[in-house]
């Protein structure tokens, strides 16, 4: 997908690759080149940084302090049918979590699977 900047930095023009024939067309709306990759950012009350994760991308977080407040802003209503849970130590993704001990996982995270066997909507 080609992304072009505009005069307003927060507004981008997206031009998907379009594939068609005499029956019609379809286009790829996700960036397959980034599938299975990760980035990390440390967010804190002091920095006030926020992280925007575009629709269609997985996201996760690790609390490095004793307590934390985590706020979501969403573009759509929650739809559990489309929820997938990727195990935190999936070797194919190889996320470099900044911890030395085993994290405390929620019951949901204890049931997570590797990305390769999860149904994808890409």
PDB file of N, CA and C in Angstrom:
ATOM      1  N   UNK A   1       0.847  -1.170   0.000  1.00  0.00           N
ATOM      2  CA  UNK A   1       0.000   0.000   0.000  1.00  0.00           C
ATOM      3  C   UNK A   1       0.893   1.234   0.000  1.00  0.00           C
ATOM      4  N   UNK A   2       0.560   2.177  -0.840  1.00  0.00           N
ATOM      5  CA  UNK A   2       1.295   3.433  -0.893  1.00  0.00           C
ATOM      6  C   UNK A   2       0.614   4.424   0.048  1.00  0.00           C
ATOM      7  N   UNK A   3       1.399   5.055   0.918  1.00  0.00           N
ATOM      8  CA  UNK A   3       0.881   6.054   1.844  1.00  0.00           C
ATOM      9  C   UNK A   3       1.576   7.372   1.537  1.00  0.00           C
ATOM     10  N   UNK A   4       0.770   8.425   1.345  1.00  0.00           N
ATOM     11  CA  UNK A   4       1.293   9.742   1.020  1.00  0.00           C
ATOM     12  C   UNK A   4       0.944  10.721   2.132  1.00  0.00           C
ATOM     13  N   UNK A   5       1.920  11.517   2.532  1.00  0.00           N
ATOM     14  CA  UNK A   5       1.689  12.540   3.542  1.00  0.00           C
ATOM     15  C   UNK A   5       0.898  13.692   2.943  1.00  0.00           C
ATOM     16  N   UNK A   6       0.146  14.388   3.784  1.00  0.00           N
ATOM     17  CA  UNK A   6      -0.586  15.580   3.363  1.00  0.00           C
ATOM     18  C   UNK A   6      -0.047  16.776   4.143  1.00  0.00           C
ATOM     19  N   UNK A   7      -0.639  17.935   3.916  1.00  0.00           N
ATOM     20  CA  UNK A   7      -0.224  19.146   4.624  1.00  0.00           C
ATOM     21  C   UNK A   7      -0.509  19.053   6.120  1.00  0.00           C
ATOM     22  N   UNK A   8      -1.415  18.175   6.513  1.00  0.00           N
ATOM     23  CA  UNK A   8      -1.703  17.931   7.927  1.00  0.00           C
ATOM     24  C   UNK A   8      -1.055  16.590   8.272  1.00  0.00           C
ATOM     25  N   UNK A   9      -0.038  16.582   9.146  1.00  0.00           N
ATOM     26  CA  UNK A   9       0.713  15.350   9.412  1.00  0.00           C
ATOM     27  C   UNK A   9      -0.131  14.161   9.862  1.00  0.00           C
ATOM     28  N   UNK A  10      -1.230  14.404  10.554  1.00  0.00           N
ATOM     29  CA  UNK A  10      -2.070  13.308  11.046  1.00  0.00           C
ATOM     30  C   UNK A  10      -2.999  12.738   9.990  1.00  0.00           C
ATOM     31  N   UNK A  11      -3.057  13.373   8.819  1.00  0.00           N
ATOM     32  CA  UNK A  11      -3.928  12.908   7.734  1.00  0.00           C
ATOM     33  C   UNK A  11      -3.064  12.322   6.630  1.00  0.00           C
ATOM     34  N   UNK A  12      -3.317  11.074   6.296  1.00  0.00           N
ATOM     35  CA  UNK A  12      -2.548  10.369   5.275  1.00  0.00           C
ATOM     36  C   UNK A  12      -3.463   9.935   4.143  1.00  0.00           C
ATOM     37  N   UNK A  13      -2.914   9.822   2.949  1.00  0.00           N
ATOM     38  CA  UNK A  13      -3.647   9.287   1.801  1.00  0.00           C
ATOM     39  C   UNK A  13      -3.138   7.869   1.582  1.00  0.00           C
ATOM     40  N   UNK A  14      -4.056   6.897   1.600  1.00  0.00           N
ATOM     41  CA  UNK A  14      -3.689   5.491   1.410  1.00  0.00           C
ATOM     42  C   UNK A  14      -4.172   5.027   0.044  1.00  0.00           C
ATOM     43  N   UNK A  15      -3.268   4.446  -0.735  1.00  0.00           N
ATOM     44  CA  UNK A  15      -3.603   3.913  -2.046  1.00  0.00           C
ATOM     45  C   UNK A  15      -3.284   2.417  -2.050  1.00  0.00           C
ATOM     46  N   UNK A  16      -4.302   1.570  -1.901  1.00  0.00           N
ATOM     47  CA  UNK A  16      -4.054   0.128  -1.850  1.00  0.00           C
ATOM     48  C   UNK A  16      -3.705  -0.439  -3.228  1.00  0.00           C
ATOM     49  N   UNK A  17      -3.039  -1.583  -3.215  1.00  0.00           N
ATOM     50  CA  UNK A  17      -2.813  -2.314  -4.458  1.00  0.00           C
ATOM     51  C   UNK A  17      -4.155  -2.924  -4.864  1.00  0.00           C
ATOM     52  N   UNK A  18      -4.573  -2.686  -6.099  1.00  0.00           N
ATOM     53  CA  UNK A  18      -5.864  -3.171  -6.579  1.00  0.00           C
ATOM     54  C   UNK A  18      -5.605  -4.298  -7.573  1.00  0.00           C
ATOM     55  N   UNK A  19      -6.334  -5.407  -7.411  1.00  0.00           N
ATOM     56  CA  UNK A  19      -6.212  -6.566  -8.289  1.00  0.00           C
ATOM     57  C   UNK A  19      -7.578  -6.821  -8.907  1.00  0.00           C
ATOM     58  N   UNK A  20      -7.623  -6.901 -10.217  1.00  0.00           N
ATOM     59  CA  UNK A  20      -8.927  -7.084 -10.839  1.00  0.00           C
ATOM     60  C   UNK A  20      -8.865  -7.868 -12.134  1.00  0.00           C
ATOM     61  N   UNK A  21     -10.035  -8.284 -12.567  1.00  0.00           N
ATOM     62  CA  UNK A  21     -10.214  -8.912 -13.862  1.00  0.00           C
ATOM     63  C   UNK A  21     -11.640  -8.605 -14.312  1.00  0.00           C
ATOM     64  N   UNK A  22     -12.169  -9.348 -15.298  1.00  0.00           N
ATOM     65  CA  UNK A  22     -13.498  -9.046 -15.822  1.00  0.00           C
ATOM     66  C   UNK A  22     -14.624  -9.326 -14.828  1.00  0.00           C
ATOM     67  N   UNK A  23     -14.335  -9.986 -13.703  1.00  0.00           N
ATOM     68  CA  UNK A  23     -15.346 -10.270 -12.689  1.00  0.00           C
ATOM     69  C   UNK A  23     -15.452  -9.160 -11.651  1.00  0.00           C
ATOM     70  N   UNK A  24     -14.450  -8.315 -11.562  1.00  0.00           N
ATOM     71  CA  UNK A  24     -14.454  -7.273 -10.541  1.00  0.00           C
ATOM     72  C   UNK A  24     -13.048  -7.039 -10.021  1.00  0.00           C
ATOM     73  N   UNK A  25     -12.945  -6.597  -8.775  1.00  0.00           N
ATOM     74  CA  UNK A  25     -11.638  -6.306  -8.209  1.00  0.00           C
ATOM     75  C   UNK A  25     -11.652  -6.510  -6.702  1.00  0.00           C
ATOM     76  N   UNK A  26     -10.470  -6.580  -6.139  1.00  0.00           N
ATOM     77  CA  UNK A  26     -10.307  -6.541  -4.694  1.00  0.00           C
ATOM     78  C   UNK A  26      -9.005  -5.815  -4.420  1.00  0.00           C
ATOM     79  N   UNK A  27      -8.822  -5.385  -3.196  1.00  0.00           N
ATOM     80  CA  UNK A  27      -7.572  -4.735  -2.841  1.00  0.00           C
ATOM     81  C   UNK A  27      -7.155  -5.158  -1.450  1.00  0.00           C
ATOM     82  N   UNK A  28      -5.853  -5.080  -1.227  1.00  0.00           N
ATOM     83  CA  UNK A  28      -5.301  -5.412   0.079  1.00  0.00           C
ATOM     84  C   UNK A  28      -5.377  -4.171   0.949  1.00  0.00           C
ATOM     85  N   UNK A  29      -6.027  -4.296   2.091  1.00  0.00           N
ATOM     86  CA  UNK A  29      -6.164  -3.137   2.965  1.00  0.00           C
ATOM     87  C   UNK A  29      -5.187  -3.162   4.128  1.00  0.00           C
ATOM     88  N   UNK A  30      -4.491  -4.244   4.330  1.00  0.00           N
ATOM     89  CA  UNK A  30      -3.499  -4.284   5.400  1.00  0.00           C
ATOM     90  C   UNK A  30      -2.114  -4.366   4.793  1.00  0.00           C
ATOM     91  N   UNK A  31      -1.114  -4.007   5.556  1.00  0.00           N
ATOM     92  CA  UNK A  31       0.250  -4.013   5.070  1.00  0.00           C
ATOM     93  C   UNK A  31       0.875  -5.366   5.390  1.00  0.00           C
ATOM     94  N   UNK A  32       0.881  -6.255   4.417  1.00  0.00           N
ATOM     95  CA  UNK A  32       1.394  -7.609   4.621  1.00  0.00           C
ATOM     96  C   UNK A  32       2.870  -7.616   4.997  1.00  0.00           C
ATOM     97  N   UNK A  33       3.615  -6.599   4.592  1.00  0.00           N
ATOM     98  CA  UNK A  33       5.047  -6.556   4.906  1.00  0.00           C
ATOM     99  C   UNK A  33       5.286  -6.458   6.412  1.00  0.00           C
ATOM    100  N   UNK A  34       4.338  -5.918   7.158  1.00  0.00           N
ATOM    101  CA  UNK A  34       4.490  -5.766   8.601  1.00  0.00           C
ATOM    102  C   UNK A  34       3.865  -6.924   9.392  1.00  0.00           C
ATOM    103  N   UNK A  35       3.216  -7.854   8.728  1.00  0.00           N
ATOM    104  CA  UNK A  35       2.546  -8.946   9.421  1.00  0.00           C
ATOM    105  C   UNK A  35       3.570  -9.764  10.201  1.00  0.00           C
ATOM    106  N   UNK A  36       3.315  -9.941  11.507  1.00  0.00           N
ATOM    107  CA  UNK A  36       4.203 -10.731  12.354  1.00  0.00           C
ATOM    108  C   UNK A  36       5.399  -9.973  12.892  1.00  0.00           C
ATOM    109  N   UNK A  37       5.475  -8.668  12.643  1.00  0.00           N
ATOM    110  CA  UNK A  37       6.569  -7.854  13.177  1.00  0.00           C
ATOM    111  C   UNK A  37       6.065  -7.086  14.396  1.00  0.00           C
ATOM    112  N   UNK A  38       6.975  -6.494  15.144  1.00  0.00           N
ATOM    113  CA  UNK A  38       6.569  -5.763  16.342  1.00  0.00           C
ATOM    114  C   UNK A  38       7.417  -4.508  16.528  1.00  0.00           C
ATOM    115  N   UNK A  39       6.869  -3.565  17.261  1.00  0.00           N
ATOM    116  CA  UNK A  39       7.589  -2.389  17.743  1.00  0.00           C
ATOM    117  C   UNK A  39       7.212  -2.214  19.201  1.00  0.00           C
ATOM    118  N   UNK A  40       8.036  -1.540  19.955  1.00  0.00           N
ATOM    119  CA  UNK A  40       7.754  -1.305  21.361  1.00  0.00           C
ATOM    120  C   UNK A  40       8.028   0.139  21.731  1.00  0.00           C
ATOM    121  N   UNK A  41       7.318   0.606  22.713  1.00  0.00           N
ATOM    122  CA  UNK A  41       7.478   1.978  23.193  1.00  0.00           C
ATOM    123  C   UNK A  41       7.167   1.993  24.682  1.00  0.00           C
ATOM    124  N   UNK A  42       8.000   2.668  25.463  1.00  0.00           N
ATOM    125  CA  UNK A  42       7.716   2.803  26.892  1.00  0.00           C
ATOM    126  C   UNK A  42       6.865   4.052  27.089  1.00  0.00           C
ATOM    127  N   UNK A  43       5.691   3.856  27.673  1.00  0.00           N
ATOM    128  CA  UNK A  43       4.758   4.941  27.961  1.00  0.00           C
ATOM    129  C   UNK A  43       4.719   5.137  29.472  1.00  0.00           C
ATOM    130  N   UNK A  44       4.562   6.379  29.901  1.00  0.00           N
ATOM    131  CA  UNK A  44       4.522   6.627  31.339  1.00  0.00           C
ATOM    132  C   UNK A  44       3.637   7.823  31.648  1.00  0.00           C
ATOM    133  N   UNK A  45       3.250   7.932  32.918  1.00  0.00           N
ATOM    134  CA  UNK A  45       2.474   9.086  33.364  1.00  0.00           C
ATOM    135  C   UNK A  45       3.299  10.356  33.199  1.00  0.00           C
ATOM    136  N   UNK A  46       4.598  10.259  33.377  1.00  0.00           N
ATOM    137  CA  UNK A  46       5.453  11.439  33.262  1.00  0.00           C
ATOM    138  C   UNK A  46       5.566  11.945  31.826  1.00  0.00           C
ATOM    139  N   UNK A  47       5.737  11.032  30.878  1.00  0.00           N
ATOM    140  CA  UNK A  47       5.946  11.453  29.484  1.00  0.00           C
ATOM    141  C   UNK A  47       4.654  11.856  28.780  1.00  0.00           C
ATOM    142  N   UNK A  48       3.527  11.299  29.229  1.00  0.00           N
ATOM    143  CA  UNK A  48       2.209  11.549  28.616  1.00  0.00           C
ATOM    144  C   UNK A  48       2.143  11.056  27.172  1.00  0.00           C
ATOM    145  N   UNK A  49       3.107  10.259  26.743  1.00  0.00           N
ATOM    146  CA  UNK A  49       3.073   9.702  25.385  1.00  0.00           C
ATOM    147  C   UNK A  49       1.868   8.785  25.239  1.00  0.00           C
ATOM    148  N   UNK A  50       1.386   8.688  24.011  1.00  0.00           N
ATOM    149  CA  UNK A  50       0.305   7.775  23.674  1.00  0.00           C
ATOM    150  C   UNK A  50       0.730   6.985  22.445  1.00  0.00           C
ATOM    151  N   UNK A  51       0.135   5.836  22.259  1.00  0.00           N
ATOM    152  CA  UNK A  51       0.470   4.987  21.119  1.00  0.00           C
ATOM    153  C   UNK A  51      -0.789   4.733  20.313  1.00  0.00           C
ATOM    154  N   UNK A  52      -0.761   5.043  19.017  1.00  0.00           N
ATOM    155  CA  UNK A  52      -1.881   4.776  18.124  1.00  0.00           C
ATOM    156  C   UNK A  52      -1.579   3.488  17.379  1.00  0.00           C
ATOM    157  N   UNK A  53      -2.429   2.487  17.533  1.00  0.00           N
ATOM    158  CA  UNK A  53      -2.293   1.216  16.830  1.00  0.00           C
ATOM    159  C   UNK A  53      -3.443   1.152  15.833  1.00  0.00           C
ATOM    160  N   UNK A  54      -3.105   1.155  14.562  1.00  0.00           N
ATOM    161  CA  UNK A  54      -4.142   1.185  13.541  1.00  0.00           C
ATOM    162  C   UNK A  54      -4.985  -0.083  13.559  1.00  0.00           C
ATOM    163  N   UNK A  55      -6.175   0.066  13.063  1.00  0.00           N
ATOM    164  CA  UNK A  55      -7.115  -1.039  12.943  1.00  0.00           C
ATOM    165  C   UNK A  55      -6.463  -2.195  12.190  1.00  0.00           C
ATOM    166  N   UNK A  56      -6.675  -3.398  12.679  1.00  0.00           N
ATOM    167  CA  UNK A  56      -6.134  -4.577  12.022  1.00  0.00           C
ATOM    168  C   UNK A  56      -4.795  -5.046  12.565  1.00  0.00           C
ATOM    169  N   UNK A  57      -4.166  -4.250  13.425  1.00  0.00           N
ATOM    170  CA  UNK A  57      -2.887  -4.635  14.017  1.00  0.00           C
ATOM    171  C   UNK A  57      -3.125  -5.180  15.419  1.00  0.00           C
ATOM    172  N   UNK A  58      -2.358  -6.172  15.791  1.00  0.00           N
ATOM    173  CA  UNK A  58      -2.417  -6.685  17.157  1.00  0.00           C
ATOM    174  C   UNK A  58      -1.736  -5.684  18.084  1.00  0.00           C
ATOM    175  N   UNK A  59      -2.081  -5.733  19.347  1.00  0.00           N
ATOM    176  CA  UNK A  59      -1.440  -4.869  20.326  1.00  0.00           C
ATOM    177  C   UNK A  59      -1.399  -5.586  21.664  1.00  0.00           C
ATOM    178  N   UNK A  60      -0.426  -5.233  22.449  1.00  0.00           N
ATOM    179  CA  UNK A  60      -0.301  -5.799  23.777  1.00  0.00           C
ATOM    180  C   UNK A  60       0.481  -4.835  24.639  1.00  0.00           C
ATOM    181  N   UNK A  61       0.470  -5.080  25.923  1.00  0.00           N
ATOM    182  CA  UNK A  61       1.222  -4.201  26.805  1.00  0.00           C
ATOM    183  C   UNK A  61       1.744  -4.958  28.005  1.00  0.00           C
ATOM    184  N   UNK A  62       2.774  -4.403  28.602  1.00  0.00           N
ATOM    185  CA  UNK A  62       3.411  -4.948  29.789  1.00  0.00           C
ATOM    186  C   UNK A  62       3.535  -3.812  30.793  1.00  0.00           C
ATOM    187  N   UNK A  63       3.028  -4.016  31.989  1.00  0.00           N
ATOM    188  CA  UNK A  63       3.122  -3.014  33.047  1.00  0.00           C
ATOM    189  C   UNK A  63       4.451  -3.203  33.763  1.00  0.00           C
ATOM    190  N   UNK A  64       5.274  -2.152  33.793  1.00  0.00           N
ATOM    191  CA  UNK A  64       6.592  -2.220  34.411  1.00  0.00           C
ATOM    192  C   UNK A  64       6.602  -1.720  35.848  1.00  0.00           C
ATOM    193  N   UNK A  65       5.490  -1.139  36.301  1.00  0.00           N
ATOM    194  CA  UNK A  65       5.392  -0.615  37.659  1.00  0.00           C
ATOM    195  C   UNK A  65       4.452  -1.499  38.475  1.00  0.00           C
ATOM    196  N   UNK A  66       4.289  -1.175  39.744  1.00  0.00           N
ATOM    197  CA  UNK A  66       3.390  -1.938  40.613  1.00  0.00           C
ATOM    198  C   UNK A  66       1.937  -1.826  40.158  1.00  0.00           C
ATOM    199  N   UNK A  67       1.539  -0.638  39.685  1.00  0.00           N
ATOM    200  CA  UNK A  67       0.177  -0.410  39.200  1.00  0.00           C
ATOM    201  C   UNK A  67       0.239   0.432  37.932  1.00  0.00           C
ATOM    202  N   UNK A  68      -0.859   0.422  37.192  1.00  0.00           N
ATOM    203  CA  UNK A  68      -0.924   1.234  35.972  1.00  0.00           C
ATOM    204  C   UNK A  68      -2.377   1.502  35.611  1.00  0.00           C
ATOM    205  N   UNK A  69      -2.597   2.588  34.925  1.00  0.00           N
ATOM    206  CA  UNK A  69      -3.897   2.885  34.329  1.00  0.00           C
ATOM    207  C   UNK A  69      -3.693   2.798  32.828  1.00  0.00           C
ATOM    208  N   UNK A  70      -4.516   1.973  32.195  1.00  0.00           N
ATOM    209  CA  UNK A  70      -4.389   1.760  30.761  1.00  0.00           C
ATOM    210  C   UNK A  70      -5.700   2.161  30.115  1.00  0.00           C
ATOM    211  N   UNK A  71      -5.658   3.104  29.188  1.00  0.00           N
ATOM    212  CA  UNK A  71      -6.865   3.612  28.542  1.00  0.00           C
ATOM    213  C   UNK A  71      -6.862   3.249  27.068  1.00  0.00           C
ATOM    214  N   UNK A  72      -7.993   2.736  26.590  1.00  0.00           N
ATOM    215  CA  UNK A  72      -8.180   2.451  25.168  1.00  0.00           C
ATOM    216  C   UNK A  72      -9.066   3.527  24.562  1.00  0.00           C
ATOM    217  N   UNK A  73      -8.758   3.903  23.353  1.00  0.00           N
ATOM    218  CA  UNK A  73      -9.683   4.665  22.525  1.00  0.00           C
ATOM    219  C   UNK A  73      -9.863   3.814  21.288  1.00  0.00           C
ATOM    220  N   UNK A  74     -11.097   3.538  20.927  1.00  0.00           N
ATOM    221  CA  UNK A  74     -11.365   2.625  19.820  1.00  0.00           C
ATOM    222  C   UNK A  74     -12.129   3.321  18.701  1.00  0.00           C
ATOM    223  N   UNK A  75     -11.985   2.784  17.499  1.00  0.00           N
ATOM    224  CA  UNK A  75     -12.689   3.338  16.350  1.00  0.00           C
ATOM    225  C   UNK A  75     -14.021   2.641  16.102  1.00  0.00           C
ATOM    226  N   UNK A  76     -14.235   1.488  16.751  1.00  0.00           N
ATOM    227  CA  UNK A  76     -15.474   0.727  16.584  1.00  0.00           C
ATOM    228  C   UNK A  76     -15.866   0.107  17.920  1.00  0.00           C
ATOM    229  N   UNK A  77     -17.072  -0.403  17.974  1.00  0.00           N
ATOM    230  CA  UNK A  77     -17.509  -1.132  19.158  1.00  0.00           C
ATOM    231  C   UNK A  77     -16.743  -2.452  19.241  1.00  0.00           C
ATOM    232  N   UNK A  78     -16.549  -2.944  20.447  1.00  0.00           N
ATOM    233  CA  UNK A  78     -15.854  -4.203  20.679  1.00  0.00           C
ATOM    234  C   UNK A  78     -16.622  -5.343  20.013  1.00  0.00           C
ATOM    235  N   UNK A  79     -15.911  -6.203  19.308  1.00  0.00           N
ATOM    236  CA  UNK A  79     -16.520  -7.351  18.624  1.00  0.00           C
ATOM    237  C   UNK A  79     -15.709  -8.597  18.978  1.00  0.00           C
ATOM    238  N   UNK A  80     -16.170  -9.335  19.963  1.00  0.00           N
ATOM    239  CA  UNK A  80     -15.404 -10.488  20.458  1.00  0.00           C
ATOM    240  C   UNK A  80     -15.199 -11.566  19.391  1.00  0.00           C
ATOM    241  N   UNK A  81     -16.053 -11.636  18.379  1.00  0.00           N
ATOM    242  CA  UNK A  81     -15.882 -12.640  17.322  1.00  0.00           C
ATOM    243  C   UNK A  81     -14.574 -12.462  16.554  1.00  0.00           C
ATOM    244  N   UNK A  82     -14.024 -11.254  16.571  1.00  0.00           N
ATOM    245  CA  UNK A  82     -12.811 -10.966  15.820  1.00  0.00           C
ATOM    246  C   UNK A  82     -11.574 -10.880  16.700  1.00  0.00           C
ATOM    247  N   UNK A  83     -11.723 -11.237  17.950  1.00  0.00           N
ATOM    248  CA  UNK A  83     -10.625 -11.151  18.911  1.00  0.00           C
ATOM    249  C   UNK A  83      -9.704 -12.364  18.768  1.00  0.00           C
ATOM    250  N   UNK A  84      -8.414 -12.115  18.763  1.00  0.00           N
ATOM    251  CA  UNK A  84      -7.407 -13.168  18.754  1.00  0.00           C
ATOM    252  C   UNK A  84      -6.412 -12.846  19.859  1.00  0.00           C
ATOM    253  N   UNK A  85      -5.805 -13.861  20.444  1.00  0.00           N
ATOM    254  CA  UNK A  85      -4.872 -13.653  21.546  1.00  0.00           C
ATOM    255  C   UNK A  85      -3.571 -14.384  21.224  1.00  0.00           C
ATOM    256  N   UNK A  86      -2.508 -13.619  21.008  1.00  0.00           N
ATOM    257  CA  UNK A  86      -1.206 -14.172  20.630  1.00  0.00           C
ATOM    258  C   UNK A  86      -0.350 -14.348  21.888  1.00  0.00           C
ATOM    259  N   UNK A  87       0.264 -15.507  22.019  1.00  0.00           N
ATOM    260  CA  UNK A  87       1.112 -15.796  23.168  1.00  0.00           C
ATOM    261  C   UNK A  87       2.283 -14.800  23.207  1.00  0.00           C
ATOM    262  N   UNK A  88       2.644 -14.356  24.397  1.00  0.00           N
ATOM    263  CA  UNK A  88       3.643 -13.290  24.531  1.00  0.00           C
ATOM    264  C   UNK A  88       5.037 -13.702  24.092  1.00  0.00           C
ATOM    265  N   UNK A  89       5.335 -14.989  24.104  1.00  0.00           N
ATOM    266  CA  UNK A  89       6.668 -15.446  23.717  1.00  0.00           C
ATOM    267  C   UNK A  89       6.667 -16.229  22.405  1.00  0.00           C
ATOM    268  N   UNK A  90       5.802 -15.835  21.484  1.00  0.00           N
ATOM    269  CA  UNK A  90       5.737 -16.482  20.173  1.00  0.00           C
ATOM    270  C   UNK A  90       7.113 -16.349  19.500  1.00  0.00           C
ATOM    271  N   UNK A  91       7.796 -17.461  19.234  1.00  0.00           N
ATOM    272  CA  UNK A  91       9.153 -17.381  18.676  1.00  0.00           C
ATOM    273  C   UNK A  91       9.198 -16.759  17.281  1.00  0.00           C
ATOM    274  N   UNK A  92       8.124 -16.831  16.523  1.00  0.00           N
ATOM    275  CA  UNK A  92       8.120 -16.245  15.182  1.00  0.00           C
ATOM    276  C   UNK A  92       8.114 -14.723  15.232  1.00  0.00           C
ATOM    277  N   UNK A  93       7.537 -14.152  16.278  1.00  0.00           N
ATOM    278  CA  UNK A  93       7.498 -12.692  16.421  1.00  0.00           C
ATOM    279  C   UNK A  93       8.708 -12.207  17.205  1.00  0.00           C
ATOM    280  N   UNK A  94       9.104 -12.947  18.216  1.00  0.00           N
ATOM    281  CA  UNK A  94      10.305 -12.683  19.033  1.00  0.00           C
ATOM    282  C   UNK A  94      10.302 -11.288  19.660  1.00  0.00           C
ATOM    283  N   UNK A  95       9.229 -10.960  20.348  1.00  0.00           N
ATOM    284  CA  UNK A  95       9.144  -9.675  21.036  1.00  0.00           C
ATOM    285  C   UNK A  95      10.188  -9.629  22.145  1.00  0.00           C
ATOM    286  N   UNK A  96      10.910  -8.535  22.215  1.00  0.00           N
ATOM    287  CA  UNK A  96      11.922  -8.328  23.246  1.00  0.00           C
ATOM    288  C   UNK A  96      11.280  -7.593  24.422  1.00  0.00           C
ATOM    289  N   UNK A  97      10.579  -8.325  25.271  1.00  0.00           N
ATOM    290  CA  UNK A  97       9.956  -7.727  26.450  1.00  0.00           C
ATOM    291  C   UNK A  97      11.054  -7.289  27.403  1.00  0.00           C
ATOM    292  N   UNK A  98      10.886  -6.152  28.041  1.00  0.00           N
ATOM    293  CA  UNK A  98      11.928  -5.625  28.931  1.00  0.00           C
ATOM    294  C   UNK A  98      11.708  -6.090  30.372  1.00  0.00           C
ATOM    295  N   UNK A  99      11.727  -7.414  30.549  1.00  0.00           N
ATOM    296  CA  UNK A  99      11.552  -8.004  31.882  1.00  0.00           C
ATOM    297  C   UNK A  99      12.560  -9.136  32.062  1.00  0.00           C
ATOM    298  N   UNK A 100      12.866  -9.421  33.318  1.00  0.00           N
ATOM    299  CA  UNK A 100      13.801 -10.506  33.615  1.00  0.00           C
ATOM    300  C   UNK A 100      13.112 -11.706  34.252  1.00  0.00           C
ATOM    301  N   UNK A 101      11.921 -11.504  34.833  1.00  0.00           N
ATOM    302  CA  UNK A 101      11.209 -12.604  35.476  1.00  0.00           C
ATOM    303  C   UNK A 101       9.941 -12.930  34.691  1.00  0.00           C
ATOM    304  N   UNK A 102       9.310 -14.021  35.072  1.00  0.00           N
ATOM    305  CA  UNK A 102       8.068 -14.419  34.421  1.00  0.00           C
ATOM    306  C   UNK A 102       6.957 -13.427  34.776  1.00  0.00           C
ATOM    307  N   UNK A 103       6.218 -12.929  33.785  1.00  0.00           N
ATOM    308  CA  UNK A 103       5.143 -11.981  34.074  1.00  0.00           C
ATOM    309  C   UNK A 103       3.908 -12.685  34.649  1.00  0.00           C
ATOM    310  N   UNK A 104       3.082 -11.922  35.332  1.00  0.00           N
ATOM    311  CA  UNK A 104       1.787 -12.420  35.802  1.00  0.00           C
ATOM    312  C   UNK A 104       0.808 -12.262  34.649  1.00  0.00           C
ATOM    313  N   UNK A 105       0.211 -13.360  34.213  1.00  0.00           N
ATOM    314  CA  UNK A 105      -0.691 -13.333  33.062  1.00  0.00           C
ATOM    315  C   UNK A 105      -2.142 -13.484  33.503  1.00  0.00           C
ATOM    316  N   UNK A 106      -3.022 -12.832  32.771  1.00  0.00           N
ATOM    317  CA  UNK A 106      -4.454 -13.009  32.999  1.00  0.00           C
ATOM    318  C   UNK A 106      -4.851 -14.409  32.536  1.00  0.00           C
ATOM    319  N   UNK A 107      -6.022 -14.869  32.930  1.00  0.00           N
ATOM    320  CA  UNK A 107      -6.519 -16.179  32.489  1.00  0.00           C
ATOM    321  C   UNK A 107      -6.615 -16.217  30.964  1.00  0.00           C
ATOM    322  N   UNK A 108      -7.042 -15.115  30.370  1.00  0.00           N
ATOM    323  CA  UNK A 108      -7.155 -15.021  28.910  1.00  0.00           C
ATOM    324  C   UNK A 108      -5.780 -15.172  28.260  1.00  0.00           C
ATOM    325  N   UNK A 109      -4.763 -14.488  28.804  1.00  0.00           N
ATOM    326  CA  UNK A 109      -3.423 -14.563  28.226  1.00  0.00           C
ATOM    327  C   UNK A 109      -2.787 -15.933  28.422  1.00  0.00           C
ATOM    328  N   UNK A 110      -3.182 -16.648  29.458  1.00  0.00           N
ATOM    329  CA  UNK A 110      -2.673 -18.006  29.671  1.00  0.00           C
ATOM    330  C   UNK A 110      -3.178 -18.969  28.599  1.00  0.00           C
ATOM    331  N   UNK A 111      -4.258 -18.616  27.900  1.00  0.00           N
ATOM    332  CA  UNK A 111      -4.840 -19.458  26.852  1.00  0.00           C
ATOM    333  C   UNK A 111      -4.390 -19.032  25.452  1.00  0.00           C
ATOM    334  N   UNK A 112      -3.499 -18.064  25.350  1.00  0.00           N
ATOM    335  CA  UNK A 112      -3.066 -17.517  24.057  1.00  0.00           C
ATOM    336  C   UNK A 112      -2.374 -18.577  23.204  1.00  0.00           C
ATOM    337  N   UNK A 113      -2.396 -18.360  21.904  1.00  0.00           N
ATOM    338  CA  UNK A 113      -1.813 -19.287  20.926  1.00  0.00           C
ATOM    339  C   UNK A 113      -0.742 -18.556  20.102  1.00  0.00           C
ATOM    340  N   UNK A 114       0.082 -19.317  19.406  1.00  0.00           N
ATOM    341  CA  UNK A 114       1.068 -18.698  18.507  1.00  0.00           C
ATOM    342  C   UNK A 114       0.322 -18.149  17.293  1.00  0.00           C
ATOM    343  N   UNK A 115       0.883 -17.105  16.706  1.00  0.00           N
ATOM    344  CA  UNK A 115       0.254 -16.429  15.577  1.00  0.00           C
ATOM    345  C   UNK A 115      -0.007 -17.375  14.410  1.00  0.00           C
ATOM    346  N   UNK A 116       0.904 -18.292  14.150  1.00  0.00           N
ATOM    347  CA  UNK A 116       0.802 -19.186  12.980  1.00  0.00           C
ATOM    348  C   UNK A 116      -0.466 -20.021  12.965  1.00  0.00           C
ATOM    349  N   UNK A 117      -1.044 -20.317  14.137  1.00  0.00           N
ATOM    350  CA  UNK A 117      -2.238 -21.166  14.130  1.00  0.00           C
ATOM    351  C   UNK A 117      -3.534 -20.380  14.344  1.00  0.00           C
ATOM    352  N   UNK A 118      -3.419 -19.061  14.529  1.00  0.00           N
ATOM    353  CA  UNK A 118      -4.617 -18.253  14.719  1.00  0.00           C
ATOM    354  C   UNK A 118      -5.232 -17.874  13.378  1.00  0.00           C
ATOM    355  N   UNK A 119      -6.545 -17.805  13.340  1.00  0.00           N
ATOM    356  CA  UNK A 119      -7.237 -17.336  12.138  1.00  0.00           C
ATOM    357  C   UNK A 119      -6.876 -15.873  11.925  1.00  0.00           C
ATOM    358  N   UNK A 120      -6.562 -15.520  10.695  1.00  0.00           N
ATOM    359  CA  UNK A 120      -6.153 -14.161  10.373  1.00  0.00           C
ATOM    360  C   UNK A 120      -7.223 -13.459   9.551  1.00  0.00           C
ATOM    361  N   UNK A 121      -7.320 -12.173   9.725  1.00  0.00           N
ATOM    362  CA  UNK A 121      -8.272 -11.371   8.949  1.00  0.00           C
ATOM    363  C   UNK A 121      -7.521 -10.463   7.983  1.00  0.00           C
ATOM    364  N   UNK A 122      -6.244 -10.744   7.776  1.00  0.00           N
ATOM    365  CA  UNK A 122      -5.417  -9.915   6.894  1.00  0.00           C
ATOM    366  C   UNK A 122      -5.779 -10.140   5.441  1.00  0.00           C
TER     367      UNK A 122
END
